[in-house]
Protein backbone atom coordinates (compact mmCIF):
# COMPACT_ATOMS: atom_id res chain seq x y z
CA UNK A 1 62.66 -38.83 -4.46
CA UNK A 2 61.56 -35.27 -5.20
CA UNK A 3 58.04 -36.46 -6.17
CA UNK A 4 57.74 -38.45 -2.95
CA UNK A 5 58.70 -35.38 -0.89
CA UNK A 6 56.13 -33.22 -2.65
CA UNK A 7 53.43 -35.86 -2.24
CA UNK A 8 54.24 -36.23 1.46
CA UNK A 9 54.09 -32.46 1.94
CA UNK A 10 50.74 -32.30 0.14
CA UNK A 11 49.35 -35.13 2.30
CA UNK A 12 50.53 -33.37 5.46
CA UNK A 13 48.88 -30.08 4.44
CA UNK A 14 45.64 -31.87 3.51
CA UNK A 15 45.41 -33.65 6.85
CA UNK A 16 45.92 -30.44 8.81
CA UNK A 17 43.26 -28.55 6.87
CA UNK A 18 40.49 -31.17 6.87
CA UNK A 19 38.78 -32.79 9.83
CA UNK A 20 35.73 -34.88 10.57
CA UNK A 21 34.11 -35.78 13.87
CA UNK A 22 30.97 -37.72 14.74
CA UNK A 23 29.57 -37.90 18.23
CA UNK A 24 26.44 -37.94 20.36
CA UNK A 25 24.78 -34.58 20.84
CA UNK A 26 22.31 -35.90 23.39
CA UNK A 27 19.89 -38.60 24.45
CA UNK A 28 16.37 -37.97 25.71
CA UNK A 29 13.64 -40.40 26.65
CA UNK A 30 10.82 -38.69 24.70
CA UNK A 31 10.06 -35.75 22.43
CA UNK A 32 6.78 -34.72 24.10
CA UNK A 33 5.49 -35.00 27.68
CA UNK A 34 3.69 -38.32 28.26
CA UNK A 35 3.09 -40.70 31.12
CA UNK A 36 4.56 -44.19 31.26
CA UNK A 37 2.15 -46.67 29.67
CA UNK A 38 -0.07 -43.94 28.19
CA UNK A 39 1.17 -44.43 24.63
CA UNK A 40 1.33 -47.07 21.92
CA UNK A 41 4.25 -47.74 19.59
CA UNK A 42 3.04 -47.13 16.02
CA UNK A 43 6.04 -48.07 13.91
CA UNK A 44 9.68 -48.97 13.54
CA UNK A 45 12.51 -46.64 14.48
CA UNK A 46 12.70 -43.52 12.28
CA UNK A 47 15.39 -40.93 11.80
CA UNK A 48 15.54 -37.41 10.45
CA UNK A 49 18.44 -35.21 9.38
CA UNK A 50 19.26 -31.54 9.14
CA UNK A 51 22.46 -30.17 7.60
CA UNK A 52 23.84 -26.73 8.32
CA UNK A 53 26.46 -24.99 6.23
CA UNK A 54 28.91 -22.69 7.98
CA UNK A 55 31.28 -20.31 6.21
CA UNK A 56 34.05 -18.95 8.44
CA UNK A 57 31.95 -19.88 11.48
CA UNK A 58 28.83 -18.03 10.29
CA UNK A 59 25.73 -20.17 9.75
CA UNK A 60 24.30 -20.11 6.26
CA UNK A 61 21.39 -22.45 7.03
CA UNK A 62 17.84 -21.83 8.14
CA UNK A 63 17.33 -19.99 11.42
CA UNK A 64 16.35 -21.96 14.49
CA UNK A 65 17.40 -25.25 15.97
CA UNK A 66 18.93 -27.99 13.84
CA UNK A 67 17.63 -30.55 16.34
CA UNK A 68 14.04 -29.32 15.92
CA UNK A 69 14.31 -29.48 12.13
CA UNK A 70 15.79 -33.01 12.34
CA UNK A 71 12.97 -34.05 14.72
CA UNK A 72 10.40 -32.61 12.32
CA UNK A 73 11.99 -34.60 9.48
CA UNK A 74 11.82 -37.80 11.54
CA UNK A 75 8.18 -37.16 12.51
CA UNK A 76 7.27 -36.69 8.84
CA UNK A 77 8.31 -40.33 8.31
CA UNK A 78 5.81 -41.51 10.95
CA UNK A 79 2.53 -39.80 10.02
CA UNK A 80 0.40 -41.50 12.71
CA UNK A 81 2.74 -40.60 15.58
CA UNK A 82 2.47 -37.83 18.18
CA UNK A 83 6.09 -38.10 19.32
CA UNK A 84 9.20 -40.21 19.62
CA UNK A 85 10.57 -42.24 22.51
CA UNK A 86 14.11 -43.52 23.12
CA UNK A 87 15.49 -40.63 21.12
CA UNK A 88 19.15 -40.24 20.24
CA UNK A 89 20.67 -37.09 18.76
CA UNK A 90 23.98 -37.34 16.87
CA UNK A 91 26.08 -34.77 15.08
CA UNK A 92 28.67 -35.16 12.35
CA UNK A 93 30.99 -32.24 11.59
CA UNK A 94 33.10 -32.03 8.46
CA UNK A 95 35.55 -29.17 8.93
CA UNK A 96 37.36 -27.75 5.93
CA UNK A 97 38.55 -24.74 8.00
CA UNK A 98 36.79 -22.17 5.79
CA UNK A 99 33.67 -24.27 5.27
CA UNK A 100 31.98 -26.57 7.80
CA UNK A 101 29.10 -28.98 7.26
CA UNK A 102 27.23 -29.94 10.44
CA UNK A 103 24.68 -32.76 10.11
CA UNK A 104 22.31 -33.40 13.01
CA UNK A 105 20.42 -36.73 13.11
CA UNK A 106 17.50 -37.53 15.43
CA UNK A 107 16.50 -41.18 15.80
CA UNK A 108 13.64 -42.63 17.84
CA UNK A 109 10.62 -44.92 18.03
CA UNK A 110 7.31 -43.31 16.97
CA UNK A 111 4.42 -43.44 19.44
CA UNK A 112 0.79 -42.31 19.65
CA UNK A 113 -0.45 -41.01 23.01
CA UNK A 114 -3.65 -42.44 24.52
């Protein structure tokens, strides 16, 4: 019974120190200004990621916007595109209290403006 008590206590401590959440960070209709019907779809849906590392709430990643870096990553997968339409922006946060990993993902359909 003593081993079961210790294991239960360890499981309780682990669940209070670790957390994970995934949720939408936003939805936009396009990444660049364009008029309805003045573009052509040039490929299948693409996505790009950016991961930030935080230590005690202080960012250890590159300066600037994680969403812009994720958008740039997605655009690199669609070389003939000028922008994305039907964009979705999601974030996943893994919180280890001292260390946090925040992953931002941008997904959209690549288009070329006319």
